[in-house]
Amino acid sequence: MVLPVTGIDRFHLAPARVAALKTALLSESSVGALADTFKLLGDSTRVRILDALSRSELCVRDIARLLGLSESAVSHQLRLLRGLRLVRPRRDGRMIFYTLDDQHIVRLFEQGLEHVEESHRRAAGGSSPHRSSARRVTSGRRG
């Protein structure tokens, strides 16, 4: 059933404003890349890996032991994260260490965490939504 549209239900923009908004919208390639990034972040194992890497540069074995995963599972997830440049490797002899790729990823992770913690506080009737107890995330890089 189609409901009748009243004047209150409509939102009209001037044609020039619509045209300006259209040119400001994300390109299809940017939309696709951003959606892919958020899809990748939609997996709890990958979020746990990013959390660990936000605290320290780690090798596959250390990540696996820290998170209780197999090295194979960690390697698979790191391959996906590397594909979208969320993490980067650093070779030291035969060892490969991983860290978050750059400050953009640090900020994305930090803001997502702040959002989640703020939502939990509001749902629990907590304090002001403008003060976050979220920890500062680091790039995981060594000195």
C-alpha atoms as a PDB file:
ATOM      1  CA  MET A   1       0.000   0.000   0.000  1.00  0.00           C
ATOM      2  CA  VAL A   2       1.358   3.426  -0.933  1.00  0.00           C
ATOM      3  CA  LEU A   3       0.754   6.166   1.575  1.00  0.00           C
ATOM      4  CA  PRO A   4      -0.146   9.617   0.297  1.00  0.00           C
ATOM      5  CA  VAL A   5       2.652  12.158   0.463  1.00  0.00           C
ATOM      6  CA  THR A   6       1.839  15.363   2.265  1.00  0.00           C
ATOM      7  CA  GLY A   7       3.734  18.635   2.128  1.00  0.00           C
ATOM      8  CA  ILE A   8       5.232  17.881   5.551  1.00  0.00           C
ATOM      9  CA  ASP A   9       6.646  14.545   4.323  1.00  0.00           C
ATOM     10  CA  ARG A  10       8.481  16.092   1.381  1.00  0.00           C
ATOM     11  CA  PHE A  11      11.946  17.540   1.415  1.00  0.00           C
ATOM     12  CA  HIS A  12      12.751  19.809  -1.487  1.00  0.00           C
ATOM     13  CA  LEU A  13      16.079  21.323  -2.376  1.00  0.00           C
ATOM     14  CA  ALA A  14      16.688  23.934  -4.998  1.00  0.00           C
ATOM     15  CA  PRO A  15      18.021  22.333  -8.214  1.00  0.00           C
ATOM     16  CA  ALA A  16      21.334  24.182  -7.838  1.00  0.00           C
ATOM     17  CA  ARG A  17      21.771  22.782  -4.337  1.00  0.00           C
ATOM     18  CA  VAL A  18      20.972  19.259  -5.541  1.00  0.00           C
ATOM     19  CA  ALA A  19      23.573  19.638  -8.292  1.00  0.00           C
ATOM     20  CA  ALA A  20      26.146  20.888  -5.782  1.00  0.00           C
ATOM     21  CA  LEU A  21      25.437  17.979  -3.442  1.00  0.00           C
ATOM     22  CA  LYS A  22      25.746  15.489  -6.303  1.00  0.00           C
ATOM     23  CA  THR A  23      29.219  16.733  -7.174  1.00  0.00           C
ATOM     24  CA  ALA A  24      30.261  16.546  -3.502  1.00  0.00           C
ATOM     25  CA  LEU A  25      29.158  12.905  -3.036  1.00  0.00           C
ATOM     26  CA  LEU A  26      31.784  10.182  -2.949  1.00  0.00           C
ATOM     27  CA  SER A  27      32.864   8.655  -6.246  1.00  0.00           C
ATOM     28  CA  GLU A  28      31.857   5.051  -6.926  1.00  0.00           C
ATOM     29  CA  SER A  29      35.450   3.907  -6.448  1.00  0.00           C
ATOM     30  CA  SER A  30      35.686   5.672  -3.076  1.00  0.00           C
ATOM     31  CA  VAL A  31      32.350   4.223  -1.990  1.00  0.00           C
ATOM     32  CA  GLY A  32      33.518   0.737  -2.951  1.00  0.00           C
ATOM     33  CA  ALA A  33      36.884   1.087  -1.210  1.00  0.00           C
ATOM     34  CA  LEU A  34      35.316   2.461   1.971  1.00  0.00           C
ATOM     35  CA  ALA A  35      32.675  -0.273   2.010  1.00  0.00           C
ATOM     36  CA  ASP A  36      35.417  -2.892   1.570  1.00  0.00           C
ATOM     37  CA  THR A  37      37.335  -1.411   4.499  1.00  0.00           C
ATOM     38  CA  PHE A  38      34.288  -1.511   6.748  1.00  0.00           C
ATOM     39  CA  LYS A  39      33.461  -5.054   5.599  1.00  0.00           C
ATOM     40  CA  LEU A  40      36.950  -6.122   6.593  1.00  0.00           C
ATOM     41  CA  LEU A  41      36.527  -4.432   9.967  1.00  0.00           C
ATOM     42  CA  GLY A  42      33.240  -6.294  10.433  1.00  0.00           C
ATOM     43  CA  ASP A  43      35.008  -9.446  11.609  1.00  0.00           C
ATOM     44  CA  SER A  44      35.747  -9.889  15.319  1.00  0.00           C
ATOM     45  CA  THR A  45      38.994 -11.789  14.715  1.00  0.00           C
ATOM     46  CA  ARG A  46      40.361  -8.988  12.567  1.00  0.00           C
ATOM     47  CA  VAL A  47      39.275  -6.398  15.140  1.00  0.00           C
ATOM     48  CA  ARG A  48      41.115  -8.384  17.839  1.00  0.00           C
ATOM     49  CA  ILE A  49      44.231  -8.462  15.643  1.00  0.00           C
ATOM     50  CA  LEU A  50      44.005  -4.714  15.032  1.00  0.00           C
ATOM     51  CA  ASP A  51      43.565  -4.150  18.758  1.00  0.00           C
ATOM     52  CA  ALA A  52      46.725  -6.138  19.487  1.00  0.00           C
ATOM     53  CA  LEU A  53      48.656  -4.326  16.751  1.00  0.00           C
ATOM     54  CA  SER A  54      47.451  -0.960  18.033  1.00  0.00           C
ATOM     55  CA  ARG A  55      49.319  -1.737  21.247  1.00  0.00           C
ATOM     56  CA  SER A  56      52.523  -3.222  19.851  1.00  0.00           C
ATOM     57  CA  GLU A  57      54.311  -4.376  16.739  1.00  0.00           C
ATOM     58  CA  LEU A  58      53.932  -8.177  16.655  1.00  0.00           C
ATOM     59  CA  CYS A  59      54.857 -11.227  14.591  1.00  0.00           C
ATOM     60  CA  VAL A  60      52.333 -13.872  13.490  1.00  0.00           C
ATOM     61  CA  ARG A  61      53.367 -16.297  16.258  1.00  0.00           C
ATOM     62  CA  ASP A  62      52.951 -13.659  18.972  1.00  0.00           C
ATOM     63  CA  ILE A  63      49.542 -12.595  17.643  1.00  0.00           C
ATOM     64  CA  ALA A  64      48.418 -16.228  17.502  1.00  0.00           C
ATOM     65  CA  ARG A  65      49.524 -16.950  21.065  1.00  0.00           C
ATOM     66  CA  LEU A  66      48.154 -13.666  22.383  1.00  0.00           C
ATOM     67  CA  LEU A  67      44.708 -14.207  20.853  1.00  0.00           C
ATOM     68  CA  GLY A  68      44.500 -17.996  21.108  1.00  0.00           C
ATOM     69  CA  LEU A  69      44.405 -18.514  17.350  1.00  0.00           C
ATOM     70  CA  SER A  70      46.352 -20.714  14.955  1.00  0.00           C
ATOM     71  CA  GLU A  71      49.250 -19.139  13.093  1.00  0.00           C
ATOM     72  CA  SER A  72      47.513 -20.125   9.857  1.00  0.00           C
ATOM     73  CA  ALA A  73      44.353 -18.233  10.842  1.00  0.00           C
ATOM     74  CA  VAL A  74      46.375 -15.170  11.829  1.00  0.00           C
ATOM     75  CA  SER A  75      48.364 -15.255   8.576  1.00  0.00           C
ATOM     76  CA  HIS A  76      45.141 -15.464   6.570  1.00  0.00           C
ATOM     77  CA  GLN A  77      43.626 -12.485   8.390  1.00  0.00           C
ATOM     78  CA  LEU A  78      46.839 -10.459   8.072  1.00  0.00           C
ATOM     79  CA  ARG A  79      46.864 -11.138   4.335  1.00  0.00           C
ATOM     80  CA  LEU A  80      43.374  -9.627   4.087  1.00  0.00           C
ATOM     81  CA  LEU A  81      44.329  -6.667   6.267  1.00  0.00           C
ATOM     82  CA  ARG A  82      47.471  -6.073   4.202  1.00  0.00           C
ATOM     83  CA  GLY A  83      45.409  -6.185   1.012  1.00  0.00           C
ATOM     84  CA  LEU A  84      43.499  -3.087   2.090  1.00  0.00           C
ATOM     85  CA  ARG A  85      46.593  -1.505   3.640  1.00  0.00           C
ATOM     86  CA  LEU A  86      45.273  -1.626   7.190  1.00  0.00           C
ATOM     87  CA  VAL A  87      48.483  -3.280   8.427  1.00  0.00           C
ATOM     88  CA  ARG A  88      52.009  -3.330   7.103  1.00  0.00           C
ATOM     89  CA  PRO A  89      54.885  -5.755   7.516  1.00  0.00           C
ATOM     90  CA  ARG A  90      58.463  -5.073   8.548  1.00  0.00           C
ATOM     91  CA  ARG A  91      61.115  -7.701   7.968  1.00  0.00           C
ATOM     92  CA  ASP A  92      63.833  -8.217  10.546  1.00  0.00           C
ATOM     93  CA  GLY A  93      66.026 -11.065   9.326  1.00  0.00           C
ATOM     94  CA  ARG A  94      63.750 -14.079   8.991  1.00  0.00           C
ATOM     95  CA  MET A  95      61.033 -12.558  11.149  1.00  0.00           C
ATOM     96  CA  ILE A  96      58.191 -10.400   9.874  1.00  0.00           C
ATOM     97  CA  PHE A  97      56.572  -7.981  12.283  1.00  0.00           C
ATOM     98  CA  TYR A  98      53.231  -6.269  11.689  1.00  0.00           C
ATOM     99  CA  THR A  99      51.893  -2.908  12.741  1.00  0.00           C
ATOM    100  CA  LEU A 100      48.940  -0.707  11.827  1.00  0.00           C
ATOM    101  CA  ASP A 101      49.637   0.882   8.453  1.00  0.00           C
ATOM    102  CA  ASP A 102      49.367   4.551   9.351  1.00  0.00           C
ATOM    103  CA  GLN A 103      47.746   7.173  11.545  1.00  0.00           C
ATOM    104  CA  HIS A 104      44.520   7.022   9.509  1.00  0.00           C
ATOM    105  CA  ILE A 105      43.993   3.443  10.633  1.00  0.00           C
ATOM    106  CA  VAL A 106      44.887   4.376  14.202  1.00  0.00           C
ATOM    107  CA  ARG A 107      42.279   7.173  14.153  1.00  0.00           C
ATOM    108  CA  LEU A 108      39.649   4.972  12.480  1.00  0.00           C
ATOM    109  CA  PHE A 109      40.143   2.281  15.107  1.00  0.00           C
ATOM    110  CA  GLU A 110      40.214   4.816  17.949  1.00  0.00           C
ATOM    111  CA  GLN A 111      37.040   6.587  16.772  1.00  0.00           C
ATOM    112  CA  GLY A 112      35.206   3.290  16.342  1.00  0.00           C
ATOM    113  CA  LEU A 113      36.188   2.326  19.870  1.00  0.00           C
ATOM    114  CA  GLU A 114      35.062   5.702  21.240  1.00  0.00           C
ATOM    115  CA  HIS A 115      31.717   5.305  19.472  1.00  0.00           C
ATOM    116  CA  VAL A 116      31.169   1.842  20.952  1.00  0.00           C
ATOM    117  CA  GLU A 117      32.136   2.904  24.470  1.00  0.00           C
ATOM    118  CA  GLU A 118      29.978   6.025  24.259  1.00  0.00           C
ATOM    119  CA  SER A 119      27.009   3.958  23.089  1.00  0.00           C
ATOM    120  CA  HIS A 120      27.495   1.536  25.991  1.00  0.00           C
ATOM    121  CA  ARG A 121      27.671   4.403  28.501  1.00  0.00           C
ATOM    122  CA  ARG A 122      24.488   5.980  27.161  1.00  0.00           C
ATOM    123  CA  ALA A 123      22.672   2.643  27.190  1.00  0.00           C
ATOM    124  CA  ALA A 124      23.768   2.155  30.806  1.00  0.00           C
ATOM    125  CA  GLY A 125      22.713   5.697  31.745  1.00  0.00           C
ATOM    126  CA  GLY A 126      26.339   6.724  32.152  1.00  0.00           C
ATOM    127  CA  SER A 127      28.110  10.044  32.039  1.00  0.00           C
ATOM    128  CA  SER A 128      28.296  12.714  29.373  1.00  0.00           C
ATOM    129  CA  PRO A 129      28.602  11.462  25.792  1.00  0.00           C
ATOM    130  CA  HIS A 130      31.374  13.983  25.163  1.00  0.00           C
ATOM    131  CA  ARG A 131      33.911  12.403  27.533  1.00  0.00           C
ATOM    132  CA  SER A 132      35.344   9.110  26.399  1.00  0.00           C
ATOM    133  CA  SER A 133      37.281   6.656  28.492  1.00  0.00           C
ATOM    134  CA  ALA A 134      38.686   5.095  25.342  1.00  0.00           C
ATOM    135  CA  ARG A 135      42.387   4.495  25.506  1.00  0.00           C
ATOM    136  CA  ARG A 136      44.697   6.212  23.078  1.00  0.00           C
ATOM    137  CA  VAL A 137      45.778   3.806  20.380  1.00  0.00           C
ATOM    138  CA  THR A 138      49.331   3.911  19.079  1.00  0.00           C
ATOM    139  CA  SER A 139      50.661   2.984  15.696  1.00  0.00           C
ATOM    140  CA  GLY A 140      52.473   0.062  17.240  1.00  0.00           C
ATOM    141  CA  ARG A 141      55.763   1.282  15.799  1.00  0.00           C
ATOM    142  CA  ARG A 142      58.927   0.929  17.768  1.00  0.00           C
ATOM    143  CA  GLY A 143      60.994   3.989  18.623  1.00  0.00           C
END
